[in-house]
Amino acid sequence: MPKQKTHSTSSKKFKVTGTGKLMRRSQMSGNLTNKSPKQKRGFRKDQPVAAATTKRVNRLLGRG
C-alpha cells in the first residue's frame, strides 16, 4: 500500500505538540487600532484546533 502524502500547505499552517494536540496560528483580524494591546498579544499565541475539525486536519497531515 502506498504512503499517504502530507498536504504541504497544511503542514505549514498546523503543528502537533508533544502530547498530540493540533495547534494553529490565531487569525490577526483587521482594524487593529481599536483593539487593546492585551488582545493583540493574544493573537501571537498558537490556538488549539477545534475538536470538530481535528479529524480533517489529521487526514491532511497524513496522520490517519
N, C-alpha and C. Protein backbone atom coordinates (compact mmCIF):
# COMPACT_ATOMS: atom_id res chain seq x y z
N MET A 1 0.84 -1.18 0.00
CA MET A 1 0.00 0.00 0.00
C MET A 1 0.88 1.25 0.00
N PRO A 2 0.58 2.26 -0.84
CA PRO A 2 1.43 3.44 -0.91
C PRO A 2 1.32 4.31 0.34
N LYS A 3 2.35 5.09 0.56
CA LYS A 3 2.34 6.01 1.70
C LYS A 3 1.34 7.13 1.45
N GLN A 4 0.81 7.67 2.55
CA GLN A 4 -0.12 8.78 2.44
C GLN A 4 0.69 10.08 2.42
N LYS A 5 0.41 10.94 1.44
CA LYS A 5 1.17 12.17 1.31
C LYS A 5 0.62 13.25 2.23
N THR A 6 1.51 14.11 2.71
CA THR A 6 1.13 15.24 3.55
C THR A 6 0.74 16.40 2.65
N HIS A 7 -0.35 17.06 2.99
CA HIS A 7 -0.77 18.26 2.28
C HIS A 7 0.20 19.36 2.67
N SER A 8 0.99 19.87 1.70
CA SER A 8 2.11 20.74 2.03
C SER A 8 1.68 22.06 2.67
N THR A 9 0.56 22.63 2.25
CA THR A 9 0.11 23.87 2.86
C THR A 9 -0.33 23.65 4.30
N SER A 10 -0.99 22.52 4.55
CA SER A 10 -1.44 22.22 5.91
C SER A 10 -0.27 22.01 6.85
N SER A 11 0.80 21.42 6.35
CA SER A 11 1.96 21.18 7.20
C SER A 11 2.60 22.49 7.65
N LYS A 12 2.42 23.56 6.86
CA LYS A 12 2.95 24.86 7.23
C LYS A 12 2.03 25.60 8.21
N LYS A 13 0.73 25.30 8.15
CA LYS A 13 -0.25 26.03 8.97
C LYS A 13 -0.51 25.40 10.32
N PHE A 14 -0.30 24.09 10.46
CA PHE A 14 -0.61 23.40 11.70
C PHE A 14 0.63 22.71 12.24
N LYS A 15 0.71 22.60 13.57
CA LYS A 15 1.79 21.84 14.17
C LYS A 15 1.21 20.96 15.27
N VAL A 16 1.90 19.86 15.52
CA VAL A 16 1.45 18.90 16.52
C VAL A 16 2.35 19.03 17.74
N THR A 17 1.74 19.14 18.92
CA THR A 17 2.50 19.26 20.16
C THR A 17 3.02 17.88 20.57
N GLY A 18 3.83 17.85 21.62
CA GLY A 18 4.37 16.60 22.10
C GLY A 18 3.30 15.65 22.61
N THR A 19 2.19 16.21 23.11
CA THR A 19 1.10 15.37 23.61
C THR A 19 0.12 14.98 22.52
N GLY A 20 0.34 15.49 21.29
CA GLY A 20 -0.51 15.10 20.16
C GLY A 20 -1.61 16.07 19.83
N LYS A 21 -1.65 17.22 20.53
CA LYS A 21 -2.67 18.22 20.22
C LYS A 21 -2.28 18.98 18.95
N LEU A 22 -3.28 19.41 18.18
CA LEU A 22 -3.03 20.21 16.98
C LEU A 22 -3.16 21.69 17.32
N MET A 23 -2.18 22.47 16.88
CA MET A 23 -2.19 23.90 17.14
C MET A 23 -2.19 24.66 15.82
N ARG A 24 -2.83 25.84 15.85
CA ARG A 24 -2.90 26.70 14.67
C ARG A 24 -2.56 28.12 15.11
N ARG A 25 -2.17 28.94 14.13
CA ARG A 25 -1.93 30.35 14.41
C ARG A 25 -3.26 31.05 14.57
N SER A 26 -3.31 32.06 15.43
CA SER A 26 -4.53 32.83 15.61
C SER A 26 -4.68 33.81 14.46
N GLN A 27 -5.92 34.05 14.06
CA GLN A 27 -6.16 34.97 12.96
C GLN A 27 -5.98 36.40 13.44
N MET A 28 -5.15 37.16 12.73
CA MET A 28 -4.94 38.57 13.05
C MET A 28 -5.93 39.35 12.21
N SER A 29 -7.06 39.72 12.80
CA SER A 29 -8.10 40.42 12.04
C SER A 29 -7.70 41.87 11.81
N GLY A 30 -8.47 42.56 10.99
CA GLY A 30 -8.15 43.94 10.66
C GLY A 30 -8.58 44.91 11.74
N ASN A 31 -8.38 46.20 11.46
CA ASN A 31 -8.75 47.30 12.35
C ASN A 31 -8.10 47.15 13.72
N LEU A 32 -6.79 46.99 13.74
CA LEU A 32 -6.09 46.74 14.99
C LEU A 32 -5.93 47.99 15.85
N THR A 33 -6.22 49.16 15.30
CA THR A 33 -6.11 50.38 16.10
C THR A 33 -7.16 50.42 17.21
N ASN A 34 -8.26 49.74 17.02
CA ASN A 34 -9.32 49.74 18.04
C ASN A 34 -9.17 48.61 19.05
N LYS A 35 -8.17 47.78 18.90
CA LYS A 35 -8.01 46.64 19.81
C LYS A 35 -6.94 46.96 20.86
N SER A 36 -7.14 46.41 22.04
CA SER A 36 -6.21 46.68 23.15
C SER A 36 -4.91 45.91 22.92
N PRO A 37 -3.81 46.38 23.53
CA PRO A 37 -2.55 45.65 23.41
C PRO A 37 -2.64 44.23 23.94
N LYS A 38 -3.46 44.01 24.97
CA LYS A 38 -3.64 42.66 25.51
C LYS A 38 -4.26 41.74 24.47
N GLN A 39 -5.24 42.28 23.73
CA GLN A 39 -5.88 41.49 22.68
C GLN A 39 -4.88 41.14 21.57
N LYS A 40 -4.07 42.13 21.19
CA LYS A 40 -3.10 41.92 20.11
C LYS A 40 -2.00 40.95 20.52
N ARG A 41 -1.61 40.94 21.80
CA ARG A 41 -0.64 39.96 22.29
C ARG A 41 -1.19 38.56 22.20
N GLY A 42 -2.50 38.42 22.44
CA GLY A 42 -3.13 37.12 22.35
C GLY A 42 -3.12 36.54 20.96
N PHE A 43 -3.12 37.40 19.95
CA PHE A 43 -3.09 36.93 18.56
C PHE A 43 -1.77 36.25 18.23
N ARG A 44 -0.69 36.57 18.98
CA ARG A 44 0.62 35.99 18.69
C ARG A 44 0.73 34.54 19.11
N LYS A 45 -0.12 34.12 20.05
CA LYS A 45 -0.03 32.76 20.58
C LYS A 45 -0.75 31.76 19.68
N ASP A 46 -0.27 30.52 19.73
CA ASP A 46 -0.94 29.45 18.99
C ASP A 46 -2.22 29.05 19.69
N GLN A 47 -3.23 28.73 18.92
CA GLN A 47 -4.53 28.30 19.45
C GLN A 47 -4.73 26.83 19.12
N PRO A 48 -5.43 26.09 19.99
CA PRO A 48 -5.73 24.70 19.65
C PRO A 48 -6.77 24.62 18.54
N VAL A 49 -6.66 23.61 17.69
CA VAL A 49 -7.63 23.40 16.62
C VAL A 49 -8.93 22.90 17.25
N ALA A 50 -10.06 23.35 16.73
CA ALA A 50 -11.36 22.95 17.26
C ALA A 50 -11.56 21.45 17.11
N ALA A 51 -12.27 20.87 18.07
CA ALA A 51 -12.49 19.43 18.07
C ALA A 51 -13.22 18.96 16.82
N ALA A 52 -14.08 19.83 16.27
CA ALA A 52 -14.86 19.45 15.09
C ALA A 52 -13.99 19.29 13.85
N THR A 53 -12.84 19.95 13.80
CA THR A 53 -12.01 19.90 12.60
C THR A 53 -10.73 19.07 12.76
N THR A 54 -10.50 18.49 13.94
CA THR A 54 -9.26 17.75 14.14
C THR A 54 -9.15 16.55 13.21
N LYS A 55 -10.25 15.86 12.95
CA LYS A 55 -10.21 14.69 12.07
C LYS A 55 -9.77 15.10 10.66
N ARG A 56 -10.31 16.21 10.17
CA ARG A 56 -9.98 16.67 8.83
C ARG A 56 -8.52 17.11 8.74
N VAL A 57 -8.04 17.82 9.76
CA VAL A 57 -6.66 18.30 9.76
C VAL A 57 -5.69 17.13 9.88
N ASN A 58 -6.02 16.15 10.71
CA ASN A 58 -5.17 14.97 10.84
C ASN A 58 -5.03 14.25 9.51
N ARG A 59 -6.11 14.15 8.76
CA ARG A 59 -6.07 13.49 7.46
C ARG A 59 -5.17 14.27 6.50
N LEU A 60 -5.25 15.60 6.53
CA LEU A 60 -4.41 16.42 5.65
C LEU A 60 -2.94 16.29 6.01
N LEU A 61 -2.65 16.09 7.30
CA LEU A 61 -1.26 15.96 7.72
C LEU A 61 -0.72 14.55 7.55
N GLY A 62 -1.54 13.64 7.06
CA GLY A 62 -1.09 12.28 6.86
C GLY A 62 -1.03 11.47 8.12
N ARG A 63 -1.86 11.80 9.08
CA ARG A 63 -1.86 11.12 10.39
C ARG A 63 -3.11 10.26 10.57
N GLY A 64 -3.59 9.65 9.50
CA GLY A 64 -4.70 8.72 9.66
C GLY A 64 -5.97 9.15 9.16
